[in-house]
Amino acid sequence: MRPGIEALPLVLCAVAAFGTGCAERDGNAVLRDYTGLDGCGWVIEANGTVLEPLNLGEFLSDPEDGMDLYVVYHVETGYASICMVGDIVTLTACELAP
């Protein structure tokens, strides 16, 4: 039996507990439209931190400002951003929060 979306928070907690570089869980991330700032686009605000996702389009085809999300990500090194508002990350999981 495969777990459904209701199992996602539990899975994310287990992954974070083993220190895989995953950071956020429990639907405490919000999608924000920063296109008004020079060089910016969609960012994710999570626990007071702004994240610049490299691969948001792999998870959301029609993003909207203010969407509540469950996210798991890995902070990237060796990247630079024109926007410069937060850490550059690769999302490994991103779901709409209920």
PDB file of N, CA and C in Angstrom:
ATOM      1  N   MET A   1       0.843  -1.180   0.000  1.00  0.00           N
ATOM      2  CA  MET A   1       0.000   0.000   0.000  1.00  0.00           C
ATOM      3  C   MET A   1       0.888   1.243   0.000  1.00  0.00           C
ATOM      4  N   ARG A   2       0.646   2.161  -0.927  1.00  0.00           N
ATOM      5  CA  ARG A   2       1.418   3.393  -0.984  1.00  0.00           C
ATOM      6  C   ARG A   2       0.759   4.456  -0.128  1.00  0.00           C
ATOM      7  N   PRO A   3       1.548   5.233   0.628  1.00  0.00           N
ATOM      8  CA  PRO A   3       0.955   6.297   1.431  1.00  0.00           C
ATOM      9  C   PRO A   3       0.441   7.421   0.545  1.00  0.00           C
ATOM     10  N   GLY A   4      -0.637   8.033   0.956  1.00  0.00           N
ATOM     11  CA  GLY A   4      -1.202   9.156   0.220  1.00  0.00           C
ATOM     12  C   GLY A   4      -0.620  10.469   0.711  1.00  0.00           C
ATOM     13  N   ILE A   5      -1.182  11.561   0.228  1.00  0.00           N
ATOM     14  CA  ILE A   5      -0.706  12.894   0.596  1.00  0.00           C
ATOM     15  C   ILE A   5      -0.814  13.132   2.091  1.00  0.00           C
ATOM     16  N   GLU A   6      -1.768  12.463   2.762  1.00  0.00           N
ATOM     17  CA  GLU A   6      -1.911  12.660   4.200  1.00  0.00           C
ATOM     18  C   GLU A   6      -0.686  12.162   4.959  1.00  0.00           C
ATOM     19  N   ALA A   7       0.117  11.308   4.352  1.00  0.00           N
ATOM     20  CA  ALA A   7       1.331  10.801   4.988  1.00  0.00           C
ATOM     21  C   ALA A   7       2.528  11.712   4.752  1.00  0.00           C
ATOM     22  N   LEU A   8       2.403  12.708   3.877  1.00  0.00           N
ATOM     23  CA  LEU A   8       3.533  13.563   3.532  1.00  0.00           C
ATOM     24  C   LEU A   8       4.181  14.240   4.742  1.00  0.00           C
ATOM     25  N   PRO A   9       3.433  14.856   5.665  1.00  0.00           N
ATOM     26  CA  PRO A   9       4.109  15.477   6.811  1.00  0.00           C
ATOM     27  C   PRO A   9       4.943  14.486   7.614  1.00  0.00           C
ATOM     28  N   LEU A  10       4.453  13.286   7.814  1.00  0.00           N
ATOM     29  CA  LEU A  10       5.198  12.274   8.546  1.00  0.00           C
ATOM     30  C   LEU A  10       6.472  11.894   7.801  1.00  0.00           C
ATOM     31  N   VAL A  11       6.374  11.717   6.505  1.00  0.00           N
ATOM     32  CA  VAL A  11       7.541  11.385   5.694  1.00  0.00           C
ATOM     33  C   VAL A  11       8.560  12.517   5.749  1.00  0.00           C
ATOM     34  N   LEU A  12       8.103  13.740   5.633  1.00  0.00           N
ATOM     35  CA  LEU A  12       9.012  14.876   5.663  1.00  0.00           C
ATOM     36  C   LEU A  12       9.706  14.996   7.005  1.00  0.00           C
ATOM     37  N   CYS A  13       8.987  14.731   8.085  1.00  0.00           N
ATOM     38  CA  CYS A  13       9.604  14.757   9.413  1.00  0.00           C
ATOM     39  C   CYS A  13      10.687  13.697   9.516  1.00  0.00           C
ATOM     40  N   ALA A  14      10.427  12.513   8.996  1.00  0.00           N
ATOM     41  CA  ALA A  14      11.411  11.429   9.048  1.00  0.00           C
ATOM     42  C   ALA A  14      12.638  11.781   8.222  1.00  0.00           C
ATOM     43  N   VAL A  15      12.434  12.354   7.055  1.00  0.00           N
ATOM     44  CA  VAL A  15      13.562  12.729   6.201  1.00  0.00           C
ATOM     45  C   VAL A  15      14.400  13.804   6.876  1.00  0.00           C
ATOM     46  N   ALA A  16      13.755  14.818   7.435  1.00  0.00           N
ATOM     47  CA  ALA A  16      14.483  15.894   8.095  1.00  0.00           C
ATOM     48  C   ALA A  16      15.246  15.379   9.309  1.00  0.00           C
ATOM     49  N   ALA A  17      14.685  14.422  10.012  1.00  0.00           N
ATOM     50  CA  ALA A  17      15.333  13.879  11.202  1.00  0.00           C
ATOM     51  C   ALA A  17      16.636  13.170  10.880  1.00  0.00           C
ATOM     52  N   PHE A  18      16.777  12.637   9.683  1.00  0.00           N
ATOM     53  CA  PHE A  18      17.994  11.928   9.308  1.00  0.00           C
ATOM     54  C   PHE A  18      19.028  12.844   8.660  1.00  0.00           C
ATOM     55  N   GLY A  19      18.778  14.151   8.643  1.00  0.00           N
ATOM     56  CA  GLY A  19      19.774  15.113   8.200  1.00  0.00           C
ATOM     57  C   GLY A  19      20.168  15.020   6.743  1.00  0.00           C
ATOM     58  N   THR A  20      19.209  14.938   5.866  1.00  0.00           N
ATOM     59  CA  THR A  20      19.528  14.811   4.447  1.00  0.00           C
ATOM     60  C   THR A  20      19.662  16.161   3.757  1.00  0.00           C
ATOM     61  N   GLY A  21      19.620  17.236   4.504  1.00  0.00           N
ATOM     62  CA  GLY A  21      19.686  18.544   3.884  1.00  0.00           C
ATOM     63  C   GLY A  21      18.303  19.108   3.621  1.00  0.00           C
ATOM     64  N   CYS A  22      17.260  18.380   3.949  1.00  0.00           N
ATOM     65  CA  CYS A  22      15.893  18.867   3.792  1.00  0.00           C
ATOM     66  C   CYS A  22      15.579  19.764   4.971  1.00  0.00           C
ATOM     67  N   ALA A  23      14.781  20.784   4.708  1.00  0.00           N
ATOM     68  CA  ALA A  23      14.605  21.756   5.764  1.00  0.00           C
ATOM     69  C   ALA A  23      13.161  21.972   6.181  1.00  0.00           C
ATOM     70  N   GLU A  24      12.265  22.265   5.266  1.00  0.00           N
ATOM     71  CA  GLU A  24      10.932  22.689   5.664  1.00  0.00           C
ATOM     72  C   GLU A  24       9.924  21.560   5.619  1.00  0.00           C
ATOM     73  N   ARG A  25       8.889  21.670   6.453  1.00  0.00           N
ATOM     74  CA  ARG A  25       7.806  20.692   6.484  1.00  0.00           C
ATOM     75  C   ARG A  25       6.589  21.337   7.136  1.00  0.00           C
ATOM     76  N   ASP A  26       5.507  20.595   7.222  1.00  0.00           N
ATOM     77  CA  ASP A  26       4.295  21.012   7.932  1.00  0.00           C
ATOM     78  C   ASP A  26       3.560  22.200   7.327  1.00  0.00           C
ATOM     79  N   GLY A  27       3.677  22.430   6.033  1.00  0.00           N
ATOM     80  CA  GLY A  27       2.891  23.462   5.376  1.00  0.00           C
ATOM     81  C   GLY A  27       3.176  24.868   5.840  1.00  0.00           C
ATOM     82  N   ASN A  28       4.384  25.141   6.284  1.00  0.00           N
ATOM     83  CA  ASN A  28       4.687  26.482   6.772  1.00  0.00           C
ATOM     84  C   ASN A  28       5.477  27.307   5.760  1.00  0.00           C
ATOM     85  N   ALA A  29       5.246  27.067   4.494  1.00  0.00           N
ATOM     86  CA  ALA A  29       5.884  27.856   3.441  1.00  0.00           C
ATOM     87  C   ALA A  29       4.800  28.536   2.612  1.00  0.00           C
ATOM     88  N   VAL A  30       5.134  29.722   2.128  1.00  0.00           N
ATOM     89  CA  VAL A  30       4.182  30.501   1.325  1.00  0.00           C
ATOM     90  C   VAL A  30       4.882  30.965   0.058  1.00  0.00           C
ATOM     91  N   LEU A  31       4.216  30.820  -1.067  1.00  0.00           N
ATOM     92  CA  LEU A  31       4.751  31.264  -2.348  1.00  0.00           C
ATOM     93  C   LEU A  31       4.513  32.770  -2.499  1.00  0.00           C
ATOM     94  N   ARG A  32       5.544  33.494  -2.932  1.00  0.00           N
ATOM     95  CA  ARG A  32       5.435  34.946  -3.104  1.00  0.00           C
ATOM     96  C   ARG A  32       5.936  35.361  -4.482  1.00  0.00           C
ATOM     97  N   ASP A  33       5.265  36.320  -5.068  1.00  0.00           N
ATOM     98  CA  ASP A  33       5.628  36.866  -6.375  1.00  0.00           C
ATOM     99  C   ASP A  33       6.507  38.095  -6.164  1.00  0.00           C
ATOM    100  N   TYR A  34       7.803  37.953  -6.413  1.00  0.00           N
ATOM    101  CA  TYR A  34       8.754  39.052  -6.254  1.00  0.00           C
ATOM    102  C   TYR A  34       9.153  39.633  -7.611  1.00  0.00           C
ATOM    103  N   THR A  35       8.327  39.459  -8.637  1.00  0.00           N
ATOM    104  CA  THR A  35       8.696  39.934  -9.968  1.00  0.00           C
ATOM    105  C   THR A  35       8.828  41.450 -10.040  1.00  0.00           C
ATOM    106  N   GLY A  36       8.317  42.174  -9.064  1.00  0.00           N
ATOM    107  CA  GLY A  36       8.461  43.628  -9.031  1.00  0.00           C
ATOM    108  C   GLY A  36       9.861  44.075  -8.644  1.00  0.00           C
ATOM    109  N   LEU A  37      10.654  43.173  -8.069  1.00  0.00           N
ATOM    110  CA  LEU A  37      12.032  43.494  -7.710  1.00  0.00           C
ATOM    111  C   LEU A  37      12.947  43.104  -8.861  1.00  0.00           C
ATOM    112  N   ASP A  38      13.940  43.901  -9.119  1.00  0.00           N
ATOM    113  CA  ASP A  38      14.844  43.672 -10.245  1.00  0.00           C
ATOM    114  C   ASP A  38      15.500  42.296 -10.177  1.00  0.00           C
ATOM    115  N   GLY A  39      15.327  41.506 -11.228  1.00  0.00           N
ATOM    116  CA  GLY A  39      15.961  40.198 -11.324  1.00  0.00           C
ATOM    117  C   GLY A  39      15.282  39.102 -10.542  1.00  0.00           C
ATOM    118  N   CYS A  40      14.122  39.365  -9.971  1.00  0.00           N
ATOM    119  CA  CYS A  40      13.435  38.378  -9.134  1.00  0.00           C
ATOM    120  C   CYS A  40      12.255  37.743  -9.864  1.00  0.00           C
ATOM    121  N   GLY A  41      11.781  36.660  -9.302  1.00  0.00           N
ATOM    122  CA  GLY A  41      10.602  35.963  -9.800  1.00  0.00           C
ATOM    123  C   GLY A  41       9.833  35.404  -8.619  1.00  0.00           C
ATOM    124  N   TRP A  42       9.453  34.135  -8.697  1.00  0.00           N
ATOM    125  CA  TRP A  42       8.750  33.482  -7.600  1.00  0.00           C
ATOM    126  C   TRP A  42       9.742  33.058  -6.531  1.00  0.00           C
ATOM    127  N   VAL A  43       9.408  33.342  -5.274  1.00  0.00           N
ATOM    128  CA  VAL A  43      10.220  32.911  -4.143  1.00  0.00           C
ATOM    129  C   VAL A  43       9.307  32.221  -3.145  1.00  0.00           C
ATOM    130  N   ILE A  44       9.914  31.533  -2.205  1.00  0.00           N
ATOM    131  CA  ILE A  44       9.174  30.859  -1.142  1.00  0.00           C
ATOM    132  C   ILE A  44       9.618  31.445   0.188  1.00  0.00           C
ATOM    133  N   GLU A  45       8.660  31.857   1.006  1.00  0.00           N
ATOM    134  CA  GLU A  45       8.954  32.332   2.352  1.00  0.00           C
ATOM    135  C   GLU A  45       8.650  31.196   3.323  1.00  0.00           C
ATOM    136  N   ALA A  46       9.659  30.826   4.121  1.00  0.00           N
ATOM    137  CA  ALA A  46       9.505  29.721   5.056  1.00  0.00           C
ATOM    138  C   ALA A  46      10.192  30.075   6.375  1.00  0.00           C
ATOM    139  N   ASN A  47       9.404  30.164   7.435  1.00  0.00           N
ATOM    140  CA  ASN A  47       9.945  30.462   8.769  1.00  0.00           C
ATOM    141  C   ASN A  47      10.822  31.708   8.778  1.00  0.00           C
ATOM    142  N   GLY A  48      10.383  32.743   8.116  1.00  0.00           N
ATOM    143  CA  GLY A  48      11.120  33.999   8.109  1.00  0.00           C
ATOM    144  C   GLY A  48      12.299  34.036   7.146  1.00  0.00           C
ATOM    145  N   THR A  49      12.500  32.981   6.377  1.00  0.00           N
ATOM    146  CA  THR A  49      13.589  32.896   5.418  1.00  0.00           C
ATOM    147  C   THR A  49      13.013  32.921   4.008  1.00  0.00           C
ATOM    148  N   VAL A  50      13.661  33.652   3.123  1.00  0.00           N
ATOM    149  CA  VAL A  50      13.243  33.676   1.724  1.00  0.00           C
ATOM    150  C   VAL A  50      14.129  32.710   0.951  1.00  0.00           C
ATOM    151  N   LEU A  51      13.504  31.893   0.118  1.00  0.00           N
ATOM    152  CA  LEU A  51      14.201  30.896  -0.689  1.00  0.00           C
ATOM    153  C   LEU A  51      13.959  31.190  -2.160  1.00  0.00           C
ATOM    154  N   GLU A  52      15.007  31.060  -2.963  1.00  0.00           N
ATOM    155  CA  GLU A  52      14.891  31.233  -4.407  1.00  0.00           C
ATOM    156  C   GLU A  52      14.994  29.853  -5.060  1.00  0.00           C
ATOM    157  N   PRO A  53      13.845  29.244  -5.412  1.00  0.00           N
ATOM    158  CA  PRO A  53      13.879  27.896  -5.976  1.00  0.00           C
ATOM    159  C   PRO A  53      14.324  27.879  -7.438  1.00  0.00           C
ATOM    160  N   LEU A  54      15.199  26.934  -7.752  1.00  0.00           N
ATOM    161  CA  LEU A  54      15.671  26.765  -9.128  1.00  0.00           C
ATOM    162  C   LEU A  54      14.665  26.016  -9.991  1.00  0.00           C
ATOM    163  N   ASN A  55      13.860  25.163  -9.383  1.00  0.00           N
ATOM    164  CA  ASN A  55      13.024  24.240 -10.150  1.00  0.00           C
ATOM    165  C   ASN A  55      11.540  24.286  -9.769  1.00  0.00           C
ATOM    166  N   LEU A  56      11.022  25.423  -9.418  1.00  0.00           N
ATOM    167  CA  LEU A  56       9.616  25.545  -9.019  1.00  0.00           C
ATOM    168  C   LEU A  56       8.672  25.048 -10.104  1.00  0.00           C
ATOM    169  N   GLY A  57       8.999  25.287 -11.363  1.00  0.00           N
ATOM    170  CA  GLY A  57       8.154  24.874 -12.478  1.00  0.00           C
ATOM    171  C   GLY A  57       7.957  23.370 -12.590  1.00  0.00           C
ATOM    172  N   GLU A  58       8.836  22.588 -11.986  1.00  0.00           N
ATOM    173  CA  GLU A  58       8.661  21.131 -11.977  1.00  0.00           C
ATOM    174  C   GLU A  58       7.504  20.703 -11.079  1.00  0.00           C
ATOM    175  N   PHE A  59       7.102  21.578 -10.154  1.00  0.00           N
ATOM    176  CA  PHE A  59       6.069  21.232  -9.182  1.00  0.00           C
ATOM    177  C   PHE A  59       4.776  22.024  -9.360  1.00  0.00           C
ATOM    178  N   LEU A  60       4.869  23.266  -9.801  1.00  0.00           N
ATOM    179  CA  LEU A  60       3.683  24.123  -9.941  1.00  0.00           C
ATOM    180  C   LEU A  60       3.612  24.688 -11.348  1.00  0.00           C
ATOM    181  N   SER A  61       2.529  24.374 -12.066  1.00  0.00           N
ATOM    182  CA  SER A  61       2.376  24.888 -13.426  1.00  0.00           C
ATOM    183  C   SER A  61       1.644  26.228 -13.453  1.00  0.00           C
ATOM    184  N   ASP A  62       0.882  26.525 -12.414  1.00  0.00           N
ATOM    185  CA  ASP A  62       0.118  27.775 -12.366  1.00  0.00           C
ATOM    186  C   ASP A  62       0.254  28.407 -10.982  1.00  0.00           C
ATOM    187  N   PRO A  63       1.438  28.927 -10.645  1.00  0.00           N
ATOM    188  CA  PRO A  63       1.648  29.480  -9.301  1.00  0.00           C
ATOM    189  C   PRO A  63       0.824  30.744  -9.070  1.00  0.00           C
ATOM    190  N   GLU A  64       0.422  30.931  -7.820  1.00  0.00           N
ATOM    191  CA  GLU A  64      -0.311  32.126  -7.418  1.00  0.00           C
ATOM    192  C   GLU A  64       0.290  32.662  -6.131  1.00  0.00           C
ATOM    193  N   ASP A  65       0.399  33.974  -6.053  1.00  0.00           N
ATOM    194  CA  ASP A  65       0.933  34.611  -4.855  1.00  0.00           C
ATOM    195  C   ASP A  65       0.096  34.222  -3.635  1.00  0.00           C
ATOM    196  N   GLY A  66       0.769  33.829  -2.574  1.00  0.00           N
ATOM    197  CA  GLY A  66       0.086  33.494  -1.337  1.00  0.00           C
ATOM    198  C   GLY A  66      -0.262  32.024  -1.162  1.00  0.00           C
ATOM    199  N   MET A  67       0.088  31.173  -2.138  1.00  0.00           N
ATOM    200  CA  MET A  67      -0.199  29.739  -2.002  1.00  0.00           C
ATOM    201  C   MET A  67       0.535  29.170  -0.788  1.00  0.00           C
ATOM    202  N   ASP A  68      -0.198  28.410   0.039  1.00  0.00           N
ATOM    203  CA  ASP A  68       0.421  27.699   1.153  1.00  0.00           C
ATOM    204  C   ASP A  68       0.964  26.373   0.639  1.00  0.00           C
ATOM    205  N   LEU A  69       2.211  26.057   1.009  1.00  0.00           N
ATOM    206  CA  LEU A  69       2.889  24.887   0.477  1.00  0.00           C
ATOM    207  C   LEU A  69       3.530  24.037   1.561  1.00  0.00           C
ATOM    208  N   TYR A  70       3.694  22.756   1.248  1.00  0.00           N
ATOM    209  CA  TYR A  70       4.613  21.861   1.947  1.00  0.00           C
ATOM    210  C   TYR A  70       5.843  21.792   1.052  1.00  0.00           C
ATOM    211  N   VAL A  71       7.031  22.083   1.575  1.00  0.00           N
ATOM    212  CA  VAL A  71       8.222  22.002   0.741  1.00  0.00           C
ATOM    213  C   VAL A  71       9.344  21.253   1.446  1.00  0.00           C
ATOM    214  N   VAL A  72      10.152  20.592   0.656  1.00  0.00           N
ATOM    215  CA  VAL A  72      11.408  20.002   1.095  1.00  0.00           C
ATOM    216  C   VAL A  72      12.422  20.478   0.072  1.00  0.00           C
ATOM    217  N   TYR A  73      13.578  20.924   0.534  1.00  0.00           N
ATOM    218  CA  TYR A  73      14.551  21.486  -0.394  1.00  0.00           C
ATOM    219  C   TYR A  73      15.975  21.216   0.063  1.00  0.00           C
ATOM    220  N   HIS A  74      16.882  21.457  -0.853  1.00  0.00           N
ATOM    221  CA  HIS A  74      18.307  21.357  -0.584  1.00  0.00           C
ATOM    222  C   HIS A  74      18.921  22.705  -0.943  1.00  0.00           C
ATOM    223  N   VAL A  75      19.668  23.305  -0.029  1.00  0.00           N
ATOM    224  CA  VAL A  75      20.337  24.580  -0.302  1.00  0.00           C
ATOM    225  C   VAL A  75      21.516  24.327  -1.233  1.00  0.00           C
ATOM    226  N   GLU A  76      21.575  25.106  -2.298  1.00  0.00           N
ATOM    227  CA  GLU A  76      22.633  24.960  -3.292  1.00  0.00           C
ATOM    228  C   GLU A  76      23.798  25.897  -2.985  1.00  0.00           C
ATOM    229  N   THR A  77      24.986  25.473  -3.345  1.00  0.00           N
ATOM    230  CA  THR A  77      26.165  26.334  -3.258  1.00  0.00           C
ATOM    231  C   THR A  77      26.711  26.490  -4.666  1.00  0.00           C
ATOM    232  N   GLY A  78      27.475  27.523  -4.873  1.00  0.00           N
ATOM    233  CA  GLY A  78      28.061  27.725  -6.191  1.00  0.00           C
ATOM    234  C   GLY A  78      27.135  28.428  -7.173  1.00  0.00           C
ATOM    235  N   TYR A  79      26.011  28.939  -6.707  1.00  0.00           N
ATOM    236  CA  TYR A  79      25.086  29.687  -7.560  1.00  0.00           C
ATOM    237  C   TYR A  79      25.055  31.138  -7.092  1.00  0.00           C
ATOM    238  N   ALA A  80      24.807  32.037  -8.016  1.00  0.00           N
ATOM    239  CA  ALA A  80      24.630  33.451  -7.695  1.00  0.00           C
ATOM    240  C   ALA A  80      23.274  33.891  -8.231  1.00  0.00           C
ATOM    241  N   SER A  81      22.701  34.883  -7.581  1.00  0.00           N
ATOM    242  CA  SER A  81      21.384  35.370  -7.977  1.00  0.00           C
ATOM    243  C   SER A  81      21.413  36.878  -8.157  1.00  0.00           C
ATOM    244  N   ILE A  82      20.765  37.346  -9.204  1.00  0.00           N
ATOM    245  CA  ILE A  82      20.610  38.788  -9.383  1.00  0.00           C
ATOM    246  C   ILE A  82      19.647  39.328  -8.331  1.00  0.00           C
ATOM    247  N   CYS A  83      18.637  38.540  -7.995  1.00  0.00           N
ATOM    248  CA  CYS A  83      17.617  38.942  -7.023  1.00  0.00           C
ATOM    249  C   CYS A  83      18.213  39.132  -5.628  1.00  0.00           C
ATOM    250  N   MET A  84      19.022  38.200  -5.183  1.00  0.00           N
ATOM    251  CA  MET A  84      19.749  38.260  -3.904  1.00  0.00           C
ATOM    252  C   MET A  84      18.856  38.493  -2.684  1.00  0.00           C
ATOM    253  N   VAL A  85      17.731  37.774  -2.595  1.00  0.00           N
ATOM    254  CA  VAL A  85      16.868  37.940  -1.430  1.00  0.00           C
ATOM    255  C   VAL A  85      16.912  36.741  -0.486  1.00  0.00           C
ATOM    256  N   GLY A  86      17.525  35.638  -0.933  1.00  0.00           N
ATOM    257  CA  GLY A  86      17.538  34.461  -0.077  1.00  0.00           C
ATOM    258  C   GLY A  86      18.444  33.374  -0.610  1.00  0.00           C
ATOM    259  N   ASP A  87      18.404  32.239   0.078  1.00  0.00           N
ATOM    260  CA  ASP A  87      19.192  31.088  -0.342  1.00  0.00           C
ATOM    261  C   ASP A  87      18.640  30.514  -1.644  1.00  0.00           C
ATOM    262  N   ILE A  88      19.515  30.087  -2.517  1.00  0.00           N
ATOM    263  CA  ILE A  88      19.117  29.416  -3.742  1.00  0.00           C
ATOM    264  C   ILE A  88      18.960  27.942  -3.404  1.00  0.00           C
ATOM    265  N   VAL A  89      17.800  27.381  -3.754  1.00  0.00           N
ATOM    266  CA  VAL A  89      17.486  26.000  -3.372  1.00  0.00           C
ATOM    267  C   VAL A  89      16.964  25.201  -4.548  1.00  0.00           C
ATOM    268  N   THR A  90      17.128  23.882  -4.440  1.00  0.00           N
ATOM    269  CA  THR A  90      16.478  22.947  -5.346  1.00  0.00           C
ATOM    270  C   THR A  90      15.384  22.246  -4.545  1.00  0.00           C
ATOM    271  N   LEU A  91      14.156  22.321  -5.007  1.00  0.00           N
ATOM    272  CA  LEU A  91      13.049  21.660  -4.345  1.00  0.00           C
ATOM    273  C   LEU A  91      13.106  20.168  -4.632  1.00  0.00           C
ATOM    274  N   THR A  92      12.932  19.362  -3.584  1.00  0.00           N
ATOM    275  CA  THR A  92      12.835  17.922  -3.773  1.00  0.00           C
ATOM    276  C   THR A  92      11.406  17.448  -3.568  1.00  0.00           C
ATOM    277  N   ALA A  93      10.587  18.286  -2.943  1.00  0.00           N
ATOM    278  CA  ALA A  93       9.151  18.029  -2.798  1.00  0.00           C
ATOM    279  C   ALA A  93       8.454  19.368  -2.639  1.00  0.00           C
ATOM    280  N   CYS A  94       7.298  19.492  -3.240  1.00  0.00           N
ATOM    281  CA  CYS A  94       6.505  20.719  -3.119  1.00  0.00           C
ATOM    282  C   CYS A  94       5.049  20.344  -3.407  1.00  0.00           C
ATOM    283  N   GLU A  95       4.192  20.502  -2.414  1.00  0.00           N
ATOM    284  CA  GLU A  95       2.770  20.184  -2.532  1.00  0.00           C
ATOM    285  C   GLU A  95       1.953  21.346  -1.977  1.00  0.00           C
ATOM    286  N   LEU A  96       0.766  21.514  -2.499  1.00  0.00           N
ATOM    287  CA  LEU A  96      -0.156  22.507  -1.922  1.00  0.00           C
ATOM    288  C   LEU A  96      -0.598  22.022  -0.546  1.00  0.00           C
ATOM    289  N   ALA A  97      -0.591  22.928   0.407  1.00  0.00           N
ATOM    290  CA  ALA A  97      -1.062  22.605   1.752  1.00  0.00           C
ATOM    291  C   ALA A  97      -2.589  22.599   1.726  1.00  0.00           C
ATOM    292  N   PRO A  98      -3.189  21.699   2.496  1.00  0.00           N
ATOM    293  CA  PRO A  98      -4.664  21.652   2.514  1.00  0.00           C
ATOM    294  C   PRO A  98      -5.282  22.878   3.142  1.00  0.00           C
TER     295      PRO A  98
END
